[in-house]
């Protein structure tokens, strides 16, 4: 994922306010670029946008 794509993805996720829950399915390289987490295959990462535009990792979901 390029820096520009990562910035666009971070902006989209940071702006989400619902209603409901936003579920995004992507690849490990994208999750790592956005969070610094290296997820296992099929592992989910739960995020919450912060007021400063960053993404707070709330936890992971293992299949």
C-alpha atoms as a PDB file:
ATOM      1  CA  UNK A   1       0.000   0.000   0.000  1.00  0.00           C
ATOM      2  CA  UNK A   2       1.449   3.358  -0.959  1.00  0.00           C
ATOM      3  CA  UNK A   3       1.668   6.219   1.533  1.00  0.00           C
ATOM      4  CA  UNK A   4      -1.081   8.049  -0.366  1.00  0.00           C
ATOM      5  CA  UNK A   5      -3.388   5.015  -0.246  1.00  0.00           C
ATOM      6  CA  UNK A   6      -2.681   4.527   3.457  1.00  0.00           C
ATOM      7  CA  UNK A   7      -3.510   8.187   4.127  1.00  0.00           C
ATOM      8  CA  UNK A   8      -6.769   7.887   2.159  1.00  0.00           C
ATOM      9  CA  UNK A   9      -7.765   4.712   4.002  1.00  0.00           C
ATOM     10  CA  UNK A  10      -6.909   6.282   7.380  1.00  0.00           C
ATOM     11  CA  UNK A  11      -9.006   9.359   6.497  1.00  0.00           C
ATOM     12  CA  UNK A  12     -11.992   7.234   5.450  1.00  0.00           C
ATOM     13  CA  UNK A  13     -11.840   5.146   8.631  1.00  0.00           C
ATOM     14  CA  UNK A  14     -11.285   8.183  10.861  1.00  0.00           C
ATOM     15  CA  UNK A  15     -14.359   9.982   9.453  1.00  0.00           C
ATOM     16  CA  UNK A  16     -16.750   7.063  10.019  1.00  0.00           C
ATOM     17  CA  UNK A  17     -19.496   7.978  12.496  1.00  0.00           C
ATOM     18  CA  UNK A  18     -22.203   5.475  11.591  1.00  0.00           C
ATOM     19  CA  UNK A  19     -24.955   4.687  12.018  1.00  0.00           C
ATOM     20  CA  UNK A  20     -24.056   1.083  12.586  1.00  0.00           C
ATOM     21  CA  UNK A  21     -20.712  -0.589  12.284  1.00  0.00           C
ATOM     22  CA  UNK A  22     -18.290  -0.246   9.397  1.00  0.00           C
ATOM     23  CA  UNK A  23     -16.666  -3.552   8.418  1.00  0.00           C
ATOM     24  CA  UNK A  24     -13.695  -3.372   6.059  1.00  0.00           C
ATOM     25  CA  UNK A  25     -12.072  -6.490   4.644  1.00  0.00           C
ATOM     26  CA  UNK A  26      -8.501  -6.074   3.452  1.00  0.00           C
ATOM     27  CA  UNK A  27      -5.060  -7.647   3.416  1.00  0.00           C
ATOM     28  CA  UNK A  28      -2.440  -7.899   6.166  1.00  0.00           C
ATOM     29  CA  UNK A  29      -0.174  -5.330   4.501  1.00  0.00           C
ATOM     30  CA  UNK A  30      -2.934  -2.716   4.704  1.00  0.00           C
ATOM     31  CA  UNK A  31      -3.795  -3.494   8.329  1.00  0.00           C
ATOM     32  CA  UNK A  32      -0.122  -3.298   9.289  1.00  0.00           C
ATOM     33  CA  UNK A  33       0.309   0.031   7.471  1.00  0.00           C
ATOM     34  CA  UNK A  34      -2.693   1.482   9.310  1.00  0.00           C
ATOM     35  CA  UNK A  35      -2.141   0.019  12.784  1.00  0.00           C
ATOM     36  CA  UNK A  36       1.355  -1.418  13.135  1.00  0.00           C
ATOM     37  CA  UNK A  37      -0.268  -4.773  13.956  1.00  0.00           C
ATOM     38  CA  UNK A  38       0.729  -7.875  11.982  1.00  0.00           C
ATOM     39  CA  UNK A  39      -2.496  -9.942  12.109  1.00  0.00           C
ATOM     40  CA  UNK A  40      -2.680 -13.691  11.660  1.00  0.00           C
ATOM     41  CA  UNK A  41      -4.582 -15.129   8.715  1.00  0.00           C
ATOM     42  CA  UNK A  42      -8.338 -14.443   9.130  1.00  0.00           C
ATOM     43  CA  UNK A  43      -7.745 -12.388  12.299  1.00  0.00           C
ATOM     44  CA  UNK A  44      -9.819  -9.236  12.708  1.00  0.00           C
ATOM     45  CA  UNK A  45      -8.673  -5.942  14.182  1.00  0.00           C
ATOM     46  CA  UNK A  46     -11.216  -3.722  15.952  1.00  0.00           C
ATOM     47  CA  UNK A  47     -10.541   0.016  15.664  1.00  0.00           C
ATOM     48  CA  UNK A  48     -12.068   3.237  16.919  1.00  0.00           C
ATOM     49  CA  UNK A  49     -11.332   6.600  15.331  1.00  0.00           C
ATOM     50  CA  UNK A  50      -9.880   9.135  17.769  1.00  0.00           C
ATOM     51  CA  UNK A  51     -10.627  12.855  17.806  1.00  0.00           C
ATOM     52  CA  UNK A  52      -7.136  13.606  16.456  1.00  0.00           C
ATOM     53  CA  UNK A  53      -7.720  11.461  13.355  1.00  0.00           C
ATOM     54  CA  UNK A  54      -5.692   8.500  14.550  1.00  0.00           C
ATOM     55  CA  UNK A  55      -7.060   4.980  14.840  1.00  0.00           C
ATOM     56  CA  UNK A  56      -7.133   3.372  18.281  1.00  0.00           C
ATOM     57  CA  UNK A  57      -6.805  -0.413  18.335  1.00  0.00           C
ATOM     58  CA  UNK A  58      -9.445  -1.801  20.697  1.00  0.00           C
ATOM     59  CA  UNK A  59      -8.538  -5.435  20.219  1.00  0.00           C
ATOM     60  CA  UNK A  60      -8.407  -8.358  17.855  1.00  0.00           C
ATOM     61  CA  UNK A  61     -10.798 -11.157  16.942  1.00  0.00           C
ATOM     62  CA  UNK A  62      -9.364 -14.592  16.304  1.00  0.00           C
ATOM     63  CA  UNK A  63     -11.382 -17.031  14.215  1.00  0.00           C
END
